[in-house]
């Protein structure tokens, strides 16, 4: 019996594991982390914080937002439910600061003075 006869019509073809699958997997992870970083930067931007009451209300006095709060944002939840990926993406950002110990992220906003 040929191997293709075992496939159910409409089911995805089996994926061969090997170097190309490993490379694809790491490329997918990189793409997800880049998308997460961009979303985190957007969610924690000055303009967005002025509109997003939920995020602003969750900030502590040092402006840190818990990872669980960020995971509840639809744009982030659509990308991952894994807090470690959110932390990794935030660490790669030049405009965010991560507190790993308490699982929080904050924007690096400069205070405007008159």
C-alpha atoms as a PDB file:
ATOM      1  CA  UNK A   1       0.000   0.000   0.000  1.00  0.00           C
ATOM      2  CA  UNK A   2       1.444   3.340  -0.996  1.00  0.00           C
ATOM      3  CA  UNK A   3       2.005   5.882   1.773  1.00  0.00           C
ATOM      4  CA  UNK A   4      -0.230   8.456   0.049  1.00  0.00           C
ATOM      5  CA  UNK A   5      -3.138   6.029   0.283  1.00  0.00           C
ATOM      6  CA  UNK A   6      -3.078   6.422   4.083  1.00  0.00           C
ATOM      7  CA  UNK A   7      -3.806  10.138   3.878  1.00  0.00           C
ATOM      8  CA  UNK A   8      -7.313  11.345   4.487  1.00  0.00           C
ATOM      9  CA  UNK A   9      -8.563  13.718   1.836  1.00  0.00           C
ATOM     10  CA  UNK A  10      -8.280  17.311   3.013  1.00  0.00           C
ATOM     11  CA  UNK A  11      -5.796  16.516   5.790  1.00  0.00           C
ATOM     12  CA  UNK A  12      -2.430  18.227   5.744  1.00  0.00           C
ATOM     13  CA  UNK A  13       0.494  16.330   4.294  1.00  0.00           C
ATOM     14  CA  UNK A  14       2.890  14.861   6.825  1.00  0.00           C
ATOM     15  CA  UNK A  15       5.861  17.046   7.641  1.00  0.00           C
ATOM     16  CA  UNK A  16       9.298  15.547   7.487  1.00  0.00           C
ATOM     17  CA  UNK A  17      11.447  16.481  10.431  1.00  0.00           C
ATOM     18  CA  UNK A  18      14.960  17.604   9.787  1.00  0.00           C
ATOM     19  CA  UNK A  19      17.049  20.688   9.244  1.00  0.00           C
ATOM     20  CA  UNK A  20      14.453  22.495   7.143  1.00  0.00           C
ATOM     21  CA  UNK A  21      11.704  21.880   9.735  1.00  0.00           C
ATOM     22  CA  UNK A  22      14.002  23.109  12.512  1.00  0.00           C
ATOM     23  CA  UNK A  23      14.893  26.194  10.479  1.00  0.00           C
ATOM     24  CA  UNK A  24      11.231  26.887   9.729  1.00  0.00           C
ATOM     25  CA  UNK A  25      10.354  26.489  13.376  1.00  0.00           C
ATOM     26  CA  UNK A  26      13.011  28.981  14.495  1.00  0.00           C
ATOM     27  CA  UNK A  27      11.912  31.394  11.763  1.00  0.00           C
ATOM     28  CA  UNK A  28       8.300  31.093  12.977  1.00  0.00           C
ATOM     29  CA  UNK A  29       9.382  31.778  16.562  1.00  0.00           C
ATOM     30  CA  UNK A  30      11.422  34.797  15.408  1.00  0.00           C
ATOM     31  CA  UNK A  31       8.424  36.139  13.478  1.00  0.00           C
ATOM     32  CA  UNK A  32       6.128  35.687  16.490  1.00  0.00           C
ATOM     33  CA  UNK A  33       8.616  37.419  18.804  1.00  0.00           C
ATOM     34  CA  UNK A  34       8.990  40.329  16.362  1.00  0.00           C
ATOM     35  CA  UNK A  35       5.207  40.675  16.091  1.00  0.00           C
ATOM     36  CA  UNK A  36       4.860  40.483  19.867  1.00  0.00           C
ATOM     37  CA  UNK A  37       7.542  43.133  20.374  1.00  0.00           C
ATOM     38  CA  UNK A  38       5.776  45.501  17.958  1.00  0.00           C
ATOM     39  CA  UNK A  39       2.404  44.915  19.653  1.00  0.00           C
ATOM     40  CA  UNK A  40       3.867  45.421  23.122  1.00  0.00           C
ATOM     41  CA  UNK A  41       5.515  48.651  22.016  1.00  0.00           C
ATOM     42  CA  UNK A  42       2.212  49.803  20.546  1.00  0.00           C
ATOM     43  CA  UNK A  43       0.131  48.811  23.584  1.00  0.00           C
ATOM     44  CA  UNK A  44       2.539  50.530  25.975  1.00  0.00           C
ATOM     45  CA  UNK A  45       3.052  53.635  23.838  1.00  0.00           C
ATOM     46  CA  UNK A  46       2.172  57.043  25.267  1.00  0.00           C
ATOM     47  CA  UNK A  47      -0.635  57.510  22.709  1.00  0.00           C
ATOM     48  CA  UNK A  48      -2.209  54.124  23.418  1.00  0.00           C
ATOM     49  CA  UNK A  49      -1.945  54.444  27.199  1.00  0.00           C
ATOM     50  CA  UNK A  50      -3.988  57.634  26.977  1.00  0.00           C
ATOM     51  CA  UNK A  51      -6.806  55.599  25.355  1.00  0.00           C
ATOM     52  CA  UNK A  52      -6.489  52.182  27.052  1.00  0.00           C
ATOM     53  CA  UNK A  53      -7.914  52.596  30.539  1.00  0.00           C
ATOM     54  CA  UNK A  54      -7.476  48.893  31.363  1.00  0.00           C
ATOM     55  CA  UNK A  55      -3.717  49.010  30.780  1.00  0.00           C
ATOM     56  CA  UNK A  56      -3.205  52.372  32.500  1.00  0.00           C
ATOM     57  CA  UNK A  57      -5.236  51.218  35.518  1.00  0.00           C
ATOM     58  CA  UNK A  58      -3.098  48.084  35.858  1.00  0.00           C
ATOM     59  CA  UNK A  59       0.163  50.071  36.055  1.00  0.00           C
ATOM     60  CA  UNK A  60       1.882  50.300  39.401  1.00  0.00           C
ATOM     61  CA  UNK A  61       3.612  53.449  40.661  1.00  0.00           C
ATOM     62  CA  UNK A  62       6.749  52.613  38.632  1.00  0.00           C
ATOM     63  CA  UNK A  63       4.592  52.178  35.481  1.00  0.00           C
ATOM     64  CA  UNK A  64       5.033  48.398  35.322  1.00  0.00           C
ATOM     65  CA  UNK A  65       2.160  46.356  33.869  1.00  0.00           C
ATOM     66  CA  UNK A  66       1.730  42.677  34.840  1.00  0.00           C
ATOM     67  CA  UNK A  67       2.286  40.170  32.039  1.00  0.00           C
ATOM     68  CA  UNK A  68      -1.178  38.671  32.680  1.00  0.00           C
ATOM     69  CA  UNK A  69      -2.761  42.047  31.948  1.00  0.00           C
ATOM     70  CA  UNK A  70      -0.835  42.290  28.683  1.00  0.00           C
ATOM     71  CA  UNK A  71      -1.897  38.747  27.768  1.00  0.00           C
ATOM     72  CA  UNK A  72      -5.518  39.864  28.059  1.00  0.00           C
ATOM     73  CA  UNK A  73      -5.050  42.417  25.258  1.00  0.00           C
ATOM     74  CA  UNK A  74      -6.616  40.837  22.140  1.00  0.00           C
ATOM     75  CA  UNK A  75      -3.751  41.768  19.785  1.00  0.00           C
ATOM     76  CA  UNK A  76      -1.259  40.051  22.105  1.00  0.00           C
ATOM     77  CA  UNK A  77      -3.550  37.130  22.995  1.00  0.00           C
ATOM     78  CA  UNK A  78      -3.915  36.385  19.267  1.00  0.00           C
ATOM     79  CA  UNK A  79      -0.143  35.929  19.041  1.00  0.00           C
ATOM     80  CA  UNK A  80       0.526  33.903  22.205  1.00  0.00           C
ATOM     81  CA  UNK A  81      -0.704  32.801  25.603  1.00  0.00           C
ATOM     82  CA  UNK A  82       2.848  32.118  26.784  1.00  0.00           C
ATOM     83  CA  UNK A  83       4.142  34.661  29.337  1.00  0.00           C
ATOM     84  CA  UNK A  84       7.762  33.682  28.621  1.00  0.00           C
ATOM     85  CA  UNK A  85       7.383  34.717  24.970  1.00  0.00           C
ATOM     86  CA  UNK A  86       5.960  38.075  26.042  1.00  0.00           C
ATOM     87  CA  UNK A  87       8.927  38.603  28.376  1.00  0.00           C
ATOM     88  CA  UNK A  88      11.415  37.594  25.679  1.00  0.00           C
ATOM     89  CA  UNK A  89       9.819  39.930  23.131  1.00  0.00           C
ATOM     90  CA  UNK A  90       9.816  42.796  25.639  1.00  0.00           C
ATOM     91  CA  UNK A  91      13.487  42.170  26.457  1.00  0.00           C
ATOM     92  CA  UNK A  92      14.331  42.627  22.780  1.00  0.00           C
ATOM     93  CA  UNK A  93      12.711  46.059  22.720  1.00  0.00           C
ATOM     94  CA  UNK A  94      14.703  49.251  23.149  1.00  0.00           C
ATOM     95  CA  UNK A  95      11.611  51.107  24.411  1.00  0.00           C
ATOM     96  CA  UNK A  96      10.473  48.640  27.100  1.00  0.00           C
ATOM     97  CA  UNK A  97      11.931  47.499  30.423  1.00  0.00           C
ATOM     98  CA  UNK A  98      11.315  44.053  31.928  1.00  0.00           C
ATOM     99  CA  UNK A  99      11.142  43.067  35.587  1.00  0.00           C
ATOM    100  CA  UNK A 100      11.529  39.287  35.361  1.00  0.00           C
ATOM    101  CA  UNK A 101      11.183  38.744  39.101  1.00  0.00           C
ATOM    102  CA  UNK A 102       7.658  40.096  39.250  1.00  0.00           C
ATOM    103  CA  UNK A 103       6.758  39.317  35.596  1.00  0.00           C
ATOM    104  CA  UNK A 104       6.066  42.933  34.619  1.00  0.00           C
ATOM    105  CA  UNK A 105       6.876  45.216  31.698  1.00  0.00           C
ATOM    106  CA  UNK A 106       6.986  48.994  31.506  1.00  0.00           C
ATOM    107  CA  UNK A 107       7.464  51.572  28.776  1.00  0.00           C
ATOM    108  CA  UNK A 108      10.559  53.756  28.784  1.00  0.00           C
ATOM    109  CA  UNK A 109       8.696  57.043  28.607  1.00  0.00           C
ATOM    110  CA  UNK A 110      10.520  60.301  29.051  1.00  0.00           C
ATOM    111  CA  UNK A 111       8.813  62.793  31.312  1.00  0.00           C
ATOM    112  CA  UNK A 112       7.940  66.041  29.605  1.00  0.00           C
ATOM    113  CA  UNK A 113       8.635  69.045  31.742  1.00  0.00           C
ATOM    114  CA  UNK A 114       7.497  72.589  31.187  1.00  0.00           C
END
